[in-house]
PDB file of N, CA and C in Angstrom:
ATOM      1  N   UNK A   1     120.381  93.513  87.215  1.00  0.00           N
ATOM      2  CA  UNK A   1     119.402  93.928  88.196  1.00  0.00           C
ATOM      3  C   UNK A   1     118.029  93.440  87.730  1.00  0.00           C
ATOM      4  N   UNK A   2     117.257  92.844  88.629  1.00  0.00           N
ATOM      5  CA  UNK A   2     115.933  92.377  88.228  1.00  0.00           C
ATOM      6  C   UNK A   2     114.857  93.359  88.671  1.00  0.00           C
ATOM      7  N   UNK A   3     113.633  93.102  88.265  1.00  0.00           N
ATOM      8  CA  UNK A   3     112.530  94.026  88.522  1.00  0.00           C
ATOM      9  C   UNK A   3     112.169  94.139  89.991  1.00  0.00           C
ATOM     10  N   UNK A   4     112.635  93.238  90.831  1.00  0.00           N
ATOM     11  CA  UNK A   4     112.268  93.255  92.243  1.00  0.00           C
ATOM     12  C   UNK A   4     113.434  93.633  93.149  1.00  0.00           C
ATOM     13  N   UNK A   5     114.541  94.083  92.603  1.00  0.00           N
ATOM     14  CA  UNK A   5     115.744  94.298  93.394  1.00  0.00           C
ATOM     15  C   UNK A   5     115.601  95.363  94.473  1.00  0.00           C
ATOM     16  N   UNK A   6     114.885  96.442  94.207  1.00  0.00           N
ATOM     17  CA  UNK A   6     114.762  97.524  95.178  1.00  0.00           C
ATOM     18  C   UNK A   6     113.325  97.760  95.623  1.00  0.00           C
ATOM     19  N   UNK A   7     112.469  96.789  95.411  1.00  0.00           N
ATOM     20  CA  UNK A   7     111.060  96.935  95.743  1.00  0.00           C
ATOM     21  C   UNK A   7     110.831  96.439  97.162  1.00  0.00           C
ATOM     22  N   UNK A   8     110.175  97.257  98.011  1.00  0.00           N
ATOM     23  CA  UNK A   8     109.905  96.799  99.374  1.00  0.00           C
ATOM     24  C   UNK A   8     108.922  95.638  99.375  1.00  0.00           C
ATOM     25  N   UNK A   9     108.881  94.869 100.454  1.00  0.00           N
ATOM     26  CA  UNK A   9     107.930  93.751 100.537  1.00  0.00           C
ATOM     27  C   UNK A   9     106.497  94.236 100.326  1.00  0.00           C
ATOM     28  N   UNK A  10     105.666  93.385  99.744  1.00  0.00           N
ATOM     29  CA  UNK A  10     104.279  93.762  99.460  1.00  0.00           C
ATOM     30  C   UNK A  10     103.532  94.204 100.705  1.00  0.00           C
ATOM     31  N   UNK A  11     103.854  93.630 101.856  1.00  0.00           N
ATOM     32  CA  UNK A  11     103.151  93.972 103.086  1.00  0.00           C
ATOM     33  C   UNK A  11     103.349  95.441 103.452  1.00  0.00           C
ATOM     34  N   UNK A  12     104.444  96.058 103.010  1.00  0.00           N
ATOM     35  CA  UNK A  12     104.712  97.453 103.355  1.00  0.00           C
ATOM     36  C   UNK A  12     104.267  98.425 102.274  1.00  0.00           C
ATOM     37  N   UNK A  13     103.761  97.907 101.167  1.00  0.00           N
ATOM     38  CA  UNK A  13     103.346  98.765 100.067  1.00  0.00           C
ATOM     39  C   UNK A  13     101.847  99.030 100.154  1.00  0.00           C
ATOM     40  N   UNK A  14     101.434 100.311 100.154  1.00  0.00           N
ATOM     41  CA  UNK A  14     100.001 100.607 100.233  1.00  0.00           C
ATOM     42  C   UNK A  14      99.263 100.125  98.990  1.00  0.00           C
ATOM     43  N   UNK A  15      98.108  99.551  99.187  1.00  0.00           N
ATOM     44  CA  UNK A  15      97.214  99.105  98.113  1.00  0.00           C
ATOM     45  C   UNK A  15      97.798  97.990  97.239  1.00  0.00           C
ATOM     46  N   UNK A  16      98.865  97.357  97.651  1.00  0.00           N
ATOM     47  CA  UNK A  16      99.454  96.280  96.847  1.00  0.00           C
ATOM     48  C   UNK A  16      98.795  94.956  97.207  1.00  0.00           C
ATOM     49  N   UNK A  17      98.603  94.138  96.205  1.00  0.00           N
ATOM     50  CA  UNK A  17      98.103  92.798  96.449  1.00  0.00           C
ATOM     51  C   UNK A  17      99.060  91.819  95.810  1.00  0.00           C
ATOM     52  N   UNK A  18      99.057  90.622  96.306  1.00  0.00           N
ATOM     53  CA  UNK A  18      99.983  89.637  95.782  1.00  0.00           C
ATOM     54  C   UNK A  18      99.581  89.146  94.397  1.00  0.00           C
ATOM     55  N   UNK A  19      98.384  89.480  93.929  1.00  0.00           N
ATOM     56  CA  UNK A  19      97.962  89.028  92.607  1.00  0.00           C
ATOM     57  C   UNK A  19      98.383  89.988  91.488  1.00  0.00           C
ATOM     58  N   UNK A  20      98.907  91.156  91.839  1.00  0.00           N
ATOM     59  CA  UNK A  20      99.322  92.130  90.830  1.00  0.00           C
ATOM     60  C   UNK A  20     100.836  92.120  90.667  1.00  0.00           C
ATOM     61  N   UNK A  21     101.326  92.236  89.429  1.00  0.00           N
ATOM     62  CA  UNK A  21     102.780  92.313  89.243  1.00  0.00           C
ATOM     63  C   UNK A  21     103.311  93.652  89.756  1.00  0.00           C
ATOM     64  N   UNK A  22     104.557  93.663  90.199  1.00  0.00           N
ATOM     65  CA  UNK A  22     105.209  94.878  90.686  1.00  0.00           C
ATOM     66  C   UNK A  22     106.432  95.143  89.819  1.00  0.00           C
ATOM     67  N   UNK A  23     106.542  96.356  89.299  1.00  0.00           N
ATOM     68  CA  UNK A  23     107.677  96.749  88.474  1.00  0.00           C
ATOM     69  C   UNK A  23     108.336  97.969  89.094  1.00  0.00           C
ATOM     70  N   UNK A  24     109.640  97.974  89.150  1.00  0.00           N
ATOM     71  CA  UNK A  24     110.390  99.120  89.648  1.00  0.00           C
ATOM     72  C   UNK A  24     110.557 100.111  88.494  1.00  0.00           C
ATOM     73  N   UNK A  25     110.082 101.330  88.661  1.00  0.00           N
ATOM     74  CA  UNK A  25     110.154 102.332  87.598  1.00  0.00           C
ATOM     75  C   UNK A  25     111.593 102.615  87.190  1.00  0.00           C
ATOM     76  N   UNK A  26     112.531 102.522  88.114  1.00  0.00           N
ATOM     77  CA  UNK A  26     113.944 102.772  87.778  1.00  0.00           C
ATOM     78  C   UNK A  26     114.478 101.663  86.870  1.00  0.00           C
ATOM     79  N   UNK A  27     113.965 100.446  87.032  1.00  0.00           N
ATOM     80  CA  UNK A  27     114.358  99.368  86.123  1.00  0.00           C
ATOM     81  C   UNK A  27     113.754  99.593  84.739  1.00  0.00           C
ATOM     82  N   UNK A  28     112.506 100.056  84.694  1.00  0.00           N
ATOM     83  CA  UNK A  28     111.859 100.324  83.406  1.00  0.00           C
ATOM     84  C   UNK A  28     112.590 101.421  82.637  1.00  0.00           C
ATOM     85  N   UNK A  29     113.130 102.394  83.347  1.00  0.00           N
ATOM     86  CA  UNK A  29     113.845 103.496  82.700  1.00  0.00           C
ATOM     87  C   UNK A  29     115.340 103.221  82.598  1.00  0.00           C
ATOM     88  N   UNK A  30     115.752 102.036  82.991  1.00  0.00           N
ATOM     89  CA  UNK A  30     117.167 101.638  82.983  1.00  0.00           C
ATOM     90  C   UNK A  30     118.015 102.669  83.714  1.00  0.00           C
ATOM     91  N   UNK A  31     117.551 103.034  84.918  1.00  0.00           N
ATOM     92  CA  UNK A  31     118.199 104.014  85.800  1.00  0.00           C
ATOM     93  C   UNK A  31     118.261 105.419  85.201  1.00  0.00           C
ATOM     94  N   UNK A  32     117.459 105.679  84.175  1.00  0.00           N
ATOM     95  CA  UNK A  32     117.348 107.020  83.607  1.00  0.00           C
ATOM     96  C   UNK A  32     116.099 107.691  84.150  1.00  0.00           C
ATOM     97  N   UNK A  33     115.513 108.576  83.355  1.00  0.00           N
ATOM     98  CA  UNK A  33     114.305 109.271  83.794  1.00  0.00           C
ATOM     99  C   UNK A  33     113.108 109.041  82.881  1.00  0.00           C
ATOM    100  N   UNK A  34     113.308 108.372  81.723  1.00  0.00           N
ATOM    101  CA  UNK A  34     112.198 108.159  80.804  1.00  0.00           C
ATOM    102  C   UNK A  34     112.233 106.768  80.196  1.00  0.00           C
ATOM    103  N   UNK A  35     111.026 106.266  79.883  1.00  0.00           N
ATOM    104  CA  UNK A  35     110.894 104.992  79.178  1.00  0.00           C
ATOM    105  C   UNK A  35     109.670 105.075  78.279  1.00  0.00           C
ATOM    106  N   UNK A  36     109.725 104.417  77.145  1.00  0.00           N
ATOM    107  CA  UNK A  36     108.563 104.287  76.272  1.00  0.00           C
ATOM    108  C   UNK A  36     107.832 103.012  76.648  1.00  0.00           C
ATOM    109  N   UNK A  37     106.512 103.111  76.738  1.00  0.00           N
ATOM    110  CA  UNK A  37     105.675 101.960  77.053  1.00  0.00           C
ATOM    111  C   UNK A  37     104.686 101.796  75.908  1.00  0.00           C
ATOM    112  N   UNK A  38     104.640 100.611  75.337  1.00  0.00           N
ATOM    113  CA  UNK A  38     103.776 100.335  74.194  1.00  0.00           C
ATOM    114  C   UNK A  38     102.532  99.585  74.658  1.00  0.00           C
ATOM    115  N   UNK A  39     101.372 100.085  74.260  1.00  0.00           N
ATOM    116  CA  UNK A  39     100.095  99.419  74.507  1.00  0.00           C
ATOM    117  C   UNK A  39      99.341  99.402  73.190  1.00  0.00           C
ATOM    118  N   UNK A  40      99.146  98.195  72.648  1.00  0.00           N
ATOM    119  CA  UNK A  40      98.570  98.043  71.316  1.00  0.00           C
ATOM    120  C   UNK A  40      99.434  98.837  70.330  1.00  0.00           C
ATOM    121  N   UNK A  41      98.873  99.810  69.646  1.00  0.00           N
ATOM    122  CA  UNK A  41      99.655 100.601  68.689  1.00  0.00           C
ATOM    123  C   UNK A  41     100.045 101.971  69.234  1.00  0.00           C
ATOM    124  N   UNK A  42      99.790 102.212  70.500  1.00  0.00           N
ATOM    125  CA  UNK A  42     100.068 103.516  71.105  1.00  0.00           C
ATOM    126  C   UNK A  42     101.344 103.466  71.941  1.00  0.00           C
ATOM    127  N   UNK A  43     102.166 104.504  71.808  1.00  0.00           N
ATOM    128  CA  UNK A  43     103.382 104.618  72.611  1.00  0.00           C
ATOM    129  C   UNK A  43     103.149 105.687  73.669  1.00  0.00           C
ATOM    130  N   UNK A  44     103.405 105.340  74.916  1.00  0.00           N
ATOM    131  CA  UNK A  44     103.294 106.260  76.037  1.00  0.00           C
ATOM    132  C   UNK A  44     104.690 106.509  76.591  1.00  0.00           C
ATOM    133  N   UNK A  45     104.882 107.674  77.210  1.00  0.00           N
ATOM    134  CA  UNK A  45     106.165 108.005  77.820  1.00  0.00           C
ATOM    135  C   UNK A  45     105.987 108.038  79.331  1.00  0.00           C
ATOM    136  N   UNK A  46     106.766 107.224  80.012  1.00  0.00           N
ATOM    137  CA  UNK A  46     106.805 107.230  81.470  1.00  0.00           C
ATOM    138  C   UNK A  46     107.991 108.083  81.875  1.00  0.00           C
ATOM    139  N   UNK A  47     107.747 109.082  82.729  1.00  0.00           N
ATOM    140  CA  UNK A  47     108.821 109.979  83.150  1.00  0.00           C
ATOM    141  C   UNK A  47     108.872 110.044  84.665  1.00  0.00           C
ATOM    142  N   UNK A  48     110.081 109.997  85.215  1.00  0.00           N
ATOM    143  CA  UNK A  48     110.299 110.193  86.645  1.00  0.00           C
ATOM    144  C   UNK A  48     110.747 111.636  86.829  1.00  0.00           C
ATOM    145  N   UNK A  49     110.007 112.396  87.626  1.00  0.00           N
ATOM    146  CA  UNK A  49     110.343 113.802  87.839  1.00  0.00           C
ATOM    147  C   UNK A  49     111.465 113.938  88.861  1.00  0.00           C
ATOM    148  N   UNK A  50     111.999 115.147  88.974  1.00  0.00           N
ATOM    149  CA  UNK A  50     113.033 115.405  89.992  1.00  0.00           C
ATOM    150  C   UNK A  50     112.504 115.195  91.397  1.00  0.00           C
ATOM    151  N   UNK A  51     111.198 115.362  91.572  1.00  0.00           N
ATOM    152  CA  UNK A  51     110.570 115.168  92.883  1.00  0.00           C
ATOM    153  C   UNK A  51     110.271 113.700  93.160  1.00  0.00           C
ATOM    154  N   UNK A  52     110.594 112.818  92.201  1.00  0.00           N
ATOM    155  CA  UNK A  52     110.367 111.395  92.407  1.00  0.00           C
ATOM    156  C   UNK A  52     108.956 110.935  92.094  1.00  0.00           C
ATOM    157  N   UNK A  53     108.213 111.734  91.366  1.00  0.00           N
ATOM    158  CA  UNK A  53     106.849 111.370  90.969  1.00  0.00           C
ATOM    159  C   UNK A  53     106.875 110.774  89.567  1.00  0.00           C
ATOM    160  N   UNK A  54     105.835 110.000  89.249  1.00  0.00           N
ATOM    161  CA  UNK A  54     105.719 109.401  87.919  1.00  0.00           C
ATOM    162  C   UNK A  54     104.679 110.141  87.096  1.00  0.00           C
ATOM    163  N   UNK A  55     105.005 110.367  85.825  1.00  0.00           N
ATOM    164  CA  UNK A  55     104.071 110.967  84.880  1.00  0.00           C
ATOM    165  C   UNK A  55     104.016 110.062  83.654  1.00  0.00           C
ATOM    166  N   UNK A  56     102.804 109.689  83.245  1.00  0.00           N
ATOM    167  CA  UNK A  56     102.605 108.876  82.050  1.00  0.00           C
ATOM    168  C   UNK A  56     101.830 109.716  81.046  1.00  0.00           C
ATOM    169  N   UNK A  57     102.436 109.935  79.864  1.00  0.00           N
ATOM    170  CA  UNK A  57     101.789 110.756  78.839  1.00  0.00           C
ATOM    171  C   UNK A  57     101.736 110.006  77.523  1.00  0.00           C
ATOM    172  N   UNK A  58     100.815 110.420  76.677  1.00  0.00           N
ATOM    173  CA  UNK A  58     100.637 109.824  75.359  1.00  0.00           C
ATOM    174  C   UNK A  58     101.536 110.506  74.363  1.00  0.00           C
TER     175      UNK A  58
END
């Protein structure tokens, strides 16, 4: 599965521009609910809630 497999077309996404990359959160979490995201030396946790919302914490 690639990062664009379940992503709607950019024209239907609010505030999306063609110059920004689009990532499917379910791909980042490998169909789970959490993923670690590394920025410089900091690790952040991306979590998908039961309500389908995203939470990013340090």
